[in-house]
PDB file of N, CA and C in Angstrom:
ATOM      1  N   MET A   1      70.501   3.103  32.754  1.00  0.00           N
ATOM      2  CA  MET A   1      69.952   2.683  31.484  1.00  0.00           C
ATOM      3  C   MET A   1      69.372   1.284  31.621  1.00  0.00           C
ATOM      4  N   LYS A   2      68.139   1.127  31.210  1.00  0.00           N
ATOM      5  CA  LYS A   2      67.488  -0.181  31.266  1.00  0.00           C
ATOM      6  C   LYS A   2      67.612  -0.849  29.901  1.00  0.00           C
ATOM      7  N   HIS A   3      68.096  -2.082  29.917  1.00  0.00           N
ATOM      8  CA  HIS A   3      68.307  -2.811  28.670  1.00  0.00           C
ATOM      9  C   HIS A   3      67.026  -3.475  28.213  1.00  0.00           C
ATOM     10  N   ASP A   4      66.832  -3.554  26.918  1.00  0.00           N
ATOM     11  CA  ASP A   4      65.679  -4.220  26.327  1.00  0.00           C
ATOM     12  C   ASP A   4      66.128  -5.585  25.851  1.00  0.00           C
ATOM     13  N   PHE A   5      65.829  -6.628  26.637  1.00  0.00           N
ATOM     14  CA  PHE A   5      66.236  -7.982  26.294  1.00  0.00           C
ATOM     15  C   PHE A   5      65.286  -8.624  25.277  1.00  0.00           C
ATOM     16  N   SER A   6      64.109  -8.059  25.057  1.00  0.00           N
ATOM     17  CA  SER A   6      63.100  -8.701  24.222  1.00  0.00           C
ATOM     18  C   SER A   6      63.543  -8.851  22.774  1.00  0.00           C
ATOM     19  N   GLN A   7      64.436  -8.007  22.320  1.00  0.00           N
ATOM     20  CA  GLN A   7      64.895  -8.095  20.940  1.00  0.00           C
ATOM     21  C   GLN A   7      65.665  -9.391  20.671  1.00  0.00           C
ATOM     22  N   TYR A   8      66.117 -10.071  21.719  1.00  0.00           N
ATOM     23  CA  TYR A   8      66.924 -11.272  21.550  1.00  0.00           C
ATOM     24  C   TYR A   8      66.107 -12.552  21.505  1.00  0.00           C
ATOM     25  N   GLY A   9      64.833 -12.496  21.835  1.00  0.00           N
ATOM     26  CA  GLY A   9      64.038 -13.714  21.756  1.00  0.00           C
ATOM     27  C   GLY A   9      62.931 -13.766  22.789  1.00  0.00           C
ATOM     28  N   THR A  10      62.288 -14.912  22.870  1.00  0.00           N
ATOM     29  CA  THR A  10      61.197 -15.140  23.801  1.00  0.00           C
ATOM     30  C   THR A  10      61.737 -15.793  25.064  1.00  0.00           C
ATOM     31  N   TRP A  11      61.235 -15.362  26.224  1.00  0.00           N
ATOM     32  CA  TRP A  11      61.668 -15.882  27.512  1.00  0.00           C
ATOM     33  C   TRP A  11      60.821 -17.077  27.919  1.00  0.00           C
ATOM     34  N   ILE A  12      61.455 -18.047  28.552  1.00  0.00           N
ATOM     35  CA  ILE A  12      60.755 -19.167  29.167  1.00  0.00           C
ATOM     36  C   ILE A  12      61.056 -19.093  30.656  1.00  0.00           C
ATOM     37  N   TYR A  13      60.013 -19.002  31.455  1.00  0.00           N
ATOM     38  CA  TYR A  13      60.155 -18.885  32.903  1.00  0.00           C
ATOM     39  C   TYR A  13      59.808 -20.234  33.529  1.00  0.00           C
ATOM     40  N   VAL A  14      60.727 -20.772  34.325  1.00  0.00           N
ATOM     41  CA  VAL A  14      60.514 -22.048  35.010  1.00  0.00           C
ATOM     42  C   VAL A  14      60.695 -21.804  36.506  1.00  0.00           C
ATOM     43  N   ASP A  15      59.675 -22.168  37.284  1.00  0.00           N
ATOM     44  CA  ASP A  15      59.725 -21.995  38.731  1.00  0.00           C
ATOM     45  C   ASP A  15      59.404 -23.335  39.394  1.00  0.00           C
ATOM     46  N   PRO A  16      60.419 -24.030  39.914  1.00  0.00           N
ATOM     47  CA  PRO A  16      60.181 -25.346  40.514  1.00  0.00           C
ATOM     48  C   PRO A  16      59.379 -25.276  41.818  1.00  0.00           C
ATOM     49  N   ASP A  17      59.482 -24.147  42.537  1.00  0.00           N
ATOM     50  CA  ASP A  17      58.736 -24.010  43.790  1.00  0.00           C
ATOM     51  C   ASP A  17      57.235 -23.893  43.547  1.00  0.00           C
ATOM     52  N   GLU A  18      56.860 -23.164  42.514  1.00  0.00           N
ATOM     53  CA  GLU A  18      55.454 -22.970  42.175  1.00  0.00           C
ATOM     54  C   GLU A  18      54.976 -23.997  41.145  1.00  0.00           C
ATOM     55  N   GLN A  19      55.880 -24.861  40.681  1.00  0.00           N
ATOM     56  CA  GLN A  19      55.605 -25.849  39.632  1.00  0.00           C
ATOM     57  C   GLN A  19      54.934 -25.159  38.437  1.00  0.00           C
ATOM     58  N   GLN A  20      55.634 -24.155  37.922  1.00  0.00           N
ATOM     59  CA  GLN A  20      55.103 -23.299  36.872  1.00  0.00           C
ATOM     60  C   GLN A  20      56.106 -23.158  35.729  1.00  0.00           C
ATOM     61  N   VAL A  21      55.589 -23.231  34.512  1.00  0.00           N
ATOM     62  CA  VAL A  21      56.365 -22.927  33.311  1.00  0.00           C
ATOM     63  C   VAL A  21      55.533 -21.925  32.526  1.00  0.00           C
ATOM     64  N   GLU A  22      56.169 -20.822  32.130  1.00  0.00           N
ATOM     65  CA  GLU A  22      55.434 -19.742  31.477  1.00  0.00           C
ATOM     66  C   GLU A  22      56.240 -19.181  30.316  1.00  0.00           C
ATOM     67  N   LEU A  23      55.579 -18.892  29.223  1.00  0.00           N
ATOM     68  CA  LEU A  23      56.190 -18.241  28.073  1.00  0.00           C
ATOM     69  C   LEU A  23      55.964 -16.739  28.226  1.00  0.00           C
ATOM     70  N   ILE A  24      57.037 -15.965  28.186  1.00  0.00           N
ATOM     71  CA  ILE A  24      56.941 -14.518  28.385  1.00  0.00           C
ATOM     72  C   ILE A  24      57.367 -13.820  27.100  1.00  0.00           C
ATOM     73  N   GLU A  25      56.463 -13.044  26.558  1.00  0.00           N
ATOM     74  CA  GLU A  25      56.769 -12.293  25.347  1.00  0.00           C
ATOM     75  C   GLU A  25      56.602 -10.809  25.638  1.00  0.00           C
ATOM     76  N   GLU A  26      57.508 -10.280  26.438  1.00  0.00           N
ATOM     77  CA  GLU A  26      57.476  -8.866  26.798  1.00  0.00           C
ATOM     78  C   GLU A  26      58.898  -8.393  27.068  1.00  0.00           C
ATOM     79  N   THR A  27      59.054  -7.102  27.180  1.00  0.00           N
ATOM     80  CA  THR A  27      60.345  -6.518  27.495  1.00  0.00           C
ATOM     81  C   THR A  27      60.648  -6.745  28.965  1.00  0.00           C
ATOM     82  N   LEU A  28      61.816  -7.280  29.271  1.00  0.00           N
ATOM     83  CA  LEU A  28      62.249  -7.475  30.649  1.00  0.00           C
ATOM     84  C   LEU A  28      63.524  -6.680  30.877  1.00  0.00           C
ATOM     85  N   ASP A  29      63.522  -5.836  31.909  1.00  0.00           N
ATOM     86  CA  ASP A  29      64.743  -5.140  32.284  1.00  0.00           C
ATOM     87  C   ASP A  29      65.345  -5.854  33.496  1.00  0.00           C
ATOM     88  N   LEU A  30      66.471  -5.372  33.976  1.00  0.00           N
ATOM     89  CA  LEU A  30      67.167  -6.039  35.075  1.00  0.00           C
ATOM     90  C   LEU A  30      66.316  -6.115  36.338  1.00  0.00           C
ATOM     91  N   ASP A  31      65.583  -5.049  36.646  1.00  0.00           N
ATOM     92  CA  ASP A  31      64.714  -5.071  37.827  1.00  0.00           C
ATOM     93  C   ASP A  31      63.638  -6.153  37.704  1.00  0.00           C
ATOM     94  N   MET A  32      63.060  -6.272  36.522  1.00  0.00           N
ATOM     95  CA  MET A  32      62.016  -7.278  36.302  1.00  0.00           C
ATOM     96  C   MET A  32      62.601  -8.689  36.386  1.00  0.00           C
ATOM     97  N   LEU A  33      63.837  -8.859  35.877  1.00  0.00           N
ATOM     98  CA  LEU A  33      64.501 -10.164  35.985  1.00  0.00           C
ATOM     99  C   LEU A  33      64.635 -10.559  37.453  1.00  0.00           C
ATOM    100  N   CYS A  34      65.157  -9.650  38.262  1.00  0.00           N
ATOM    101  CA  CYS A  34      65.371  -9.941  39.681  1.00  0.00           C
ATOM    102  C   CYS A  34      64.054 -10.195  40.411  1.00  0.00           C
ATOM    103  N   GLU A  35      63.024  -9.454  40.046  1.00  0.00           N
ATOM    104  CA  GLU A  35      61.720  -9.655  40.679  1.00  0.00           C
ATOM    105  C   GLU A  35      61.182 -11.052  40.376  1.00  0.00           C
ATOM    106  N   ARG A  36      61.252 -11.464  39.133  1.00  0.00           N
ATOM    107  CA  ARG A  36      60.761 -12.795  38.759  1.00  0.00           C
ATOM    108  C   ARG A  36      61.598 -13.907  39.386  1.00  0.00           C
ATOM    109  N   LEU A  37      62.902 -13.660  39.527  1.00  0.00           N
ATOM    110  CA  LEU A  37      63.795 -14.679  40.077  1.00  0.00           C
ATOM    111  C   LEU A  37      63.864 -14.641  41.602  1.00  0.00           C
ATOM    112  N   ARG A  38      63.180 -13.677  42.207  1.00  0.00           N
ATOM    113  CA  ARG A  38      63.144 -13.530  43.667  1.00  0.00           C
ATOM    114  C   ARG A  38      64.548 -13.395  44.255  1.00  0.00           C
ATOM    115  N   CYS A  39      65.322 -12.472  43.699  1.00  0.00           N
ATOM    116  CA  CYS A  39      66.707 -12.297  44.145  1.00  0.00           C
ATOM    117  C   CYS A  39      67.140 -10.850  43.975  1.00  0.00           C
ATOM    118  N   GLU A  40      68.325 -10.549  44.488  1.00  0.00           N
ATOM    119  CA  GLU A  40      68.875  -9.207  44.354  1.00  0.00           C
ATOM    120  C   GLU A  40      69.919  -9.112  43.251  1.00  0.00           C
ATOM    121  N   SER A  41      70.485 -10.248  42.860  1.00  0.00           N
ATOM    122  CA  SER A  41      71.451 -10.256  41.761  1.00  0.00           C
ATOM    123  C   SER A  41      71.259 -11.533  40.947  1.00  0.00           C
ATOM    124  N   THR A  42      71.542 -11.437  39.674  1.00  0.00           N
ATOM    125  CA  THR A  42      71.391 -12.606  38.801  1.00  0.00           C
ATOM    126  C   THR A  42      72.726 -13.006  38.211  1.00  0.00           C
ATOM    127  N   ASP A  43      72.817 -14.258  37.841  1.00  0.00           N
ATOM    128  CA  ASP A  43      73.941 -14.764  37.064  1.00  0.00           C
ATOM    129  C   ASP A  43      73.385 -15.274  35.749  1.00  0.00           C
ATOM    130  N   MET A  44      74.233 -15.284  34.742  1.00  0.00           N
ATOM    131  CA  MET A  44      73.847 -15.806  33.446  1.00  0.00           C
ATOM    132  C   MET A  44      74.743 -16.994  33.136  1.00  0.00           C
ATOM    133  N   GLU A  45      74.154 -18.018  32.538  1.00  0.00           N
ATOM    134  CA  GLU A  45      74.926 -19.193  32.159  1.00  0.00           C
ATOM    135  C   GLU A  45      74.510 -19.629  30.769  1.00  0.00           C
ATOM    136  N   GLU A  46      75.487 -20.005  29.961  1.00  0.00           N
ATOM    137  CA  GLU A  46      75.196 -20.552  28.647  1.00  0.00           C
ATOM    138  C   GLU A  46      74.732 -21.989  28.832  1.00  0.00           C
ATOM    139  N   LEU A  47      73.630 -22.323  28.185  1.00  0.00           N
ATOM    140  CA  LEU A  47      73.100 -23.678  28.286  1.00  0.00           C
ATOM    141  C   LEU A  47      73.473 -24.524  27.074  1.00  0.00           C
ATOM    142  N   GLY A  48      74.196 -23.939  26.166  1.00  0.00           N
ATOM    143  CA  GLY A  48      74.581 -24.640  24.939  1.00  0.00           C
ATOM    144  C   GLY A  48      73.851 -24.048  23.752  1.00  0.00           C
ATOM    145  N   GLY A  49      74.566 -23.894  22.640  1.00  0.00           N
ATOM    146  CA  GLY A  49      73.966 -23.298  21.451  1.00  0.00           C
ATOM    147  C   GLY A  49      73.501 -21.879  21.740  1.00  0.00           C
ATOM    148  N   PRO A  50      72.343 -21.518  21.236  1.00  0.00           N
ATOM    149  CA  PRO A  50      71.856 -20.152  21.414  1.00  0.00           C
ATOM    150  C   PRO A  50      71.083 -19.918  22.716  1.00  0.00           C
ATOM    151  N   TYR A  51      71.104 -20.864  23.640  1.00  0.00           N
ATOM    152  CA  TYR A  51      70.311 -20.742  24.867  1.00  0.00           C
ATOM    153  C   TYR A  51      71.121 -20.159  26.021  1.00  0.00           C
ATOM    154  N   LEU A  52      70.536 -19.162  26.679  1.00  0.00           N
ATOM    155  CA  LEU A  52      71.117 -18.548  27.869  1.00  0.00           C
ATOM    156  C   LEU A  52      70.100 -18.650  29.000  1.00  0.00           C
ATOM    157  N   ALA A  53      70.587 -18.698  30.229  1.00  0.00           N
ATOM    158  CA  ALA A  53      69.696 -18.758  31.386  1.00  0.00           C
ATOM    159  C   ALA A  53      70.123 -17.726  32.417  1.00  0.00           C
ATOM    160  N   TYR A  54      69.147 -17.084  33.004  1.00  0.00           N
ATOM    161  CA  TYR A  54      69.361 -16.169  34.123  1.00  0.00           C
ATOM    162  C   TYR A  54      68.768 -16.818  35.363  1.00  0.00           C
ATOM    163  N   PHE A  55      69.490 -16.772  36.480  1.00  0.00           N
ATOM    164  CA  PHE A  55      69.030 -17.405  37.703  1.00  0.00           C
ATOM    165  C   PHE A  55      69.556 -16.629  38.903  1.00  0.00           C
ATOM    166  N   ASP A  56      69.111 -17.002  40.095  1.00  0.00           N
ATOM    167  CA  ASP A  56      69.524 -16.345  41.341  1.00  0.00           C
ATOM    168  C   ASP A  56      71.021 -16.531  41.519  1.00  0.00           C
ATOM    169  N   GLY A  57      71.752 -15.427  41.508  1.00  0.00           N
ATOM    170  CA  GLY A  57      73.206 -15.485  41.587  1.00  0.00           C
ATOM    171  C   GLY A  57      73.746 -15.946  42.927  1.00  0.00           C
ATOM    172  N   GLU A  58      72.939 -15.869  43.984  1.00  0.00           N
ATOM    173  CA  GLU A  58      73.414 -16.255  45.311  1.00  0.00           C
ATOM    174  C   GLU A  58      72.603 -17.398  45.909  1.00  0.00           C
ATOM    175  N   GLY A  59      71.657 -17.928  45.172  1.00  0.00           N
ATOM    176  CA  GLY A  59      70.756 -18.958  45.692  1.00  0.00           C
ATOM    177  C   GLY A  59      71.459 -20.219  46.147  1.00  0.00           C
ATOM    178  N   ALA A  60      72.495 -20.643  45.441  1.00  0.00           N
ATOM    179  CA  ALA A  60      73.214 -21.868  45.797  1.00  0.00           C
ATOM    180  C   ALA A  60      73.954 -21.705  47.112  1.00  0.00           C
ATOM    181  N   PHE A  61      74.578 -20.548  47.299  1.00  0.00           N
ATOM    182  CA  PHE A  61      75.370 -20.322  48.502  1.00  0.00           C
ATOM    183  C   PHE A  61      74.492 -20.122  49.735  1.00  0.00           C
ATOM    184  N   GLN A  62      73.356 -19.491  49.543  1.00  0.00           N
ATOM    185  CA  GLN A  62      72.480 -19.190  50.672  1.00  0.00           C
ATOM    186  C   GLN A  62      71.425 -20.268  50.897  1.00  0.00           C
ATOM    187  N   GLU A  63      71.349 -21.226  49.993  1.00  0.00           N
ATOM    188  CA  GLU A  63      70.393 -22.333  50.077  1.00  0.00           C
ATOM    189  C   GLU A  63      68.973 -21.835  50.328  1.00  0.00           C
ATOM    190  N   ARG A  64      68.613 -20.723  49.659  1.00  0.00           N
ATOM    191  CA  ARG A  64      67.285 -20.161  49.864  1.00  0.00           C
ATOM    192  C   ARG A  64      66.307 -20.561  48.756  1.00  0.00           C
ATOM    193  N   GLN A  65      66.809 -21.216  47.744  1.00  0.00           N
ATOM    194  CA  GLN A  65      65.978 -21.620  46.616  1.00  0.00           C
ATOM    195  C   GLN A  65      66.043 -23.136  46.462  1.00  0.00           C
ATOM    196  N   THR A  66      65.058 -23.694  45.804  1.00  0.00           N
ATOM    197  CA  THR A  66      65.034 -25.127  45.525  1.00  0.00           C
ATOM    198  C   THR A  66      66.108 -25.468  44.496  1.00  0.00           C
ATOM    199  N   GLU A  67      66.876 -26.510  44.776  1.00  0.00           N
ATOM    200  CA  GLU A  67      67.887 -26.954  43.816  1.00  0.00           C
ATOM    201  C   GLU A  67      67.260 -27.957  42.854  1.00  0.00           C
ATOM    202  N   TRP A  68      67.563 -27.819  41.574  1.00  0.00           N
ATOM    203  CA  TRP A  68      67.063 -28.727  40.558  1.00  0.00           C
ATOM    204  C   TRP A  68      68.035 -28.728  39.388  1.00  0.00           C
ATOM    205  N   GLU A  69      67.788 -29.540  38.383  1.00  0.00           N
ATOM    206  CA  GLU A  69      68.712 -29.674  37.256  1.00  0.00           C
ATOM    207  C   GLU A  69      67.993 -29.394  35.945  1.00  0.00           C
ATOM    208  N   PHE A  70      68.665 -28.643  35.075  1.00  0.00           N
ATOM    209  CA  PHE A  70      68.142 -28.375  33.737  1.00  0.00           C
ATOM    210  C   PHE A  70      69.260 -28.627  32.740  1.00  0.00           C
ATOM    211  N   ASN A  71      69.028 -29.522  31.808  1.00  0.00           N
ATOM    212  CA  ASN A  71      70.002 -29.811  30.754  1.00  0.00           C
ATOM    213  C   ASN A  71      71.382 -30.124  31.344  1.00  0.00           C
ATOM    214  N   GLU A  72      71.387 -30.921  32.418  1.00  0.00           N
ATOM    215  CA  GLU A  72      72.592 -31.331  33.132  1.00  0.00           C
ATOM    216  C   GLU A  72      73.331 -30.167  33.801  1.00  0.00           C
ATOM    217  N   ASN A  73      72.643 -29.063  34.022  1.00  0.00           N
ATOM    218  CA  ASN A  73      73.193 -27.905  34.740  1.00  0.00           C
ATOM    219  C   ASN A  73      72.438 -27.754  36.055  1.00  0.00           C
ATOM    220  N   ALA A  74      73.170 -27.576  37.157  1.00  0.00           N
ATOM    221  CA  ALA A  74      72.522 -27.342  38.443  1.00  0.00           C
ATOM    222  C   ALA A  74      71.914 -25.942  38.454  1.00  0.00           C
ATOM    223  N   CYS A  75      70.680 -25.843  38.937  1.00  0.00           N
ATOM    224  CA  CYS A  75      69.965 -24.570  39.013  1.00  0.00           C
ATOM    225  C   CYS A  75      69.374 -24.431  40.409  1.00  0.00           C
ATOM    226  N   TRP A  76      69.126 -23.187  40.808  1.00  0.00           N
ATOM    227  CA  TRP A  76      68.519 -22.928  42.113  1.00  0.00           C
ATOM    228  C   TRP A  76      67.365 -21.968  41.916  1.00  0.00           C
ATOM    229  N   GLY A  77      66.192 -22.394  42.324  1.00  0.00           N
ATOM    230  CA  GLY A  77      65.009 -21.543  42.246  1.00  0.00           C
ATOM    231  C   GLY A  77      64.576 -21.296  40.819  1.00  0.00           C
ATOM    232  N   PRO A  78      63.820 -20.217  40.614  1.00  0.00           N
ATOM    233  CA  PRO A  78      63.325 -19.904  39.274  1.00  0.00           C
ATOM    234  C   PRO A  78      64.467 -19.617  38.303  1.00  0.00           C
ATOM    235  N   ILE A  79      64.177 -19.824  37.033  1.00  0.00           N
ATOM    236  CA  ILE A  79      65.165 -19.576  35.986  1.00  0.00           C
ATOM    237  C   ILE A  79      64.439 -18.969  34.787  1.00  0.00           C
ATOM    238  N   LEU A  80      65.092 -18.040  34.114  1.00  0.00           N
ATOM    239  CA  LEU A  80      64.571 -17.460  32.877  1.00  0.00           C
ATOM    240  C   LEU A  80      65.500 -17.878  31.748  1.00  0.00           C
ATOM    241  N   ILE A  81      64.945 -18.537  30.761  1.00  0.00           N
ATOM    242  CA  ILE A  81      65.725 -19.035  29.628  1.00  0.00           C
ATOM    243  C   ILE A  81      65.346 -18.223  28.401  1.00  0.00           C
ATOM    244  N   VAL A  82      66.337 -17.847  27.630  1.00  0.00           N
ATOM    245  CA  VAL A  82      66.099 -17.111  26.390  1.00  0.00           C
ATOM    246  C   VAL A  82      66.905 -17.765  25.283  1.00  0.00           C
ATOM    247  N   LYS A  83      66.298 -17.847  24.108  1.00  0.00           N
ATOM    248  CA  LYS A  83      67.000 -18.352  22.930  1.00  0.00           C
ATOM    249  C   LYS A  83      67.380 -17.149  22.082  1.00  0.00           C
ATOM    250  N   ILE A  84      68.674 -16.984  21.889  1.00  0.00           N
ATOM    251  CA  ILE A  84      69.174 -15.879  21.094  1.00  0.00           C
ATOM    252  C   ILE A  84      68.907 -16.194  19.626  1.00  0.00           C
ATOM    253  N   ALA A  85      68.312 -15.236  18.933  1.00  0.00           N
ATOM    254  CA  ALA A  85      67.880 -15.469  17.559  1.00  0.00           C
ATOM    255  C   ALA A  85      69.040 -15.574  16.570  1.00  0.00           C
ATOM    256  N   LYS A  86      70.054 -14.731  16.744  1.00  0.00           N
ATOM    257  CA  LYS A  86      71.166 -14.706  15.802  1.00  0.00           C
ATOM    258  C   LYS A  86      72.474 -14.882  16.548  1.00  0.00           C
ATOM    259  N   GLU A  87      73.409 -15.621  15.967  1.00  0.00           N
ATOM    260  CA  GLU A  87      74.692 -15.892  16.616  1.00  0.00           C
ATOM    261  C   GLU A  87      75.443 -14.619  16.980  1.00  0.00           C
ATOM    262  N   GLU A  88      75.403 -13.605  16.108  1.00  0.00           N
ATOM    263  CA  GLU A  88      76.148 -12.383  16.389  1.00  0.00           C
ATOM    264  C   GLU A  88      75.549 -11.576  17.545  1.00  0.00           C
ATOM    265  N   SER A  89      74.346 -11.913  17.987  1.00  0.00           N
ATOM    266  CA  SER A  89      73.757 -11.196  19.125  1.00  0.00           C
ATOM    267  C   SER A  89      73.937 -11.941  20.435  1.00  0.00           C
ATOM    268  N   TRP A  90      74.658 -13.075  20.426  1.00  0.00           N
ATOM    269  CA  TRP A  90      74.895 -13.809  21.675  1.00  0.00           C
ATOM    270  C   TRP A  90      75.651 -12.924  22.628  1.00  0.00           C
ATOM    271  N   LEU A  91      75.325 -13.016  23.917  1.00  0.00           N
ATOM    272  CA  LEU A  91      76.001 -12.202  24.927  1.00  0.00           C
ATOM    273  C   LEU A  91      77.305 -12.824  25.335  1.00  0.00           C
TER     274      LEU A  91
END
């Protein structure tokens, strides 16, 4: 079953390697998340309030992605940020 994450908000894609920031307003499933993040598995982290981030789940350990910081959180490689519209829909 492919999940429809688009109902929860608009995605912000940040890629430090390509020096790119992009607003994504489309349905993203798990395969699309991994493709954009250039990884085989993702981790999710709460960034505070209604913001969640998806990033390369193994990038830090394998040192295959650029390390950078977002909102005082260490990140590796590309990251997809989503703002959850309603508190009851937070993951």
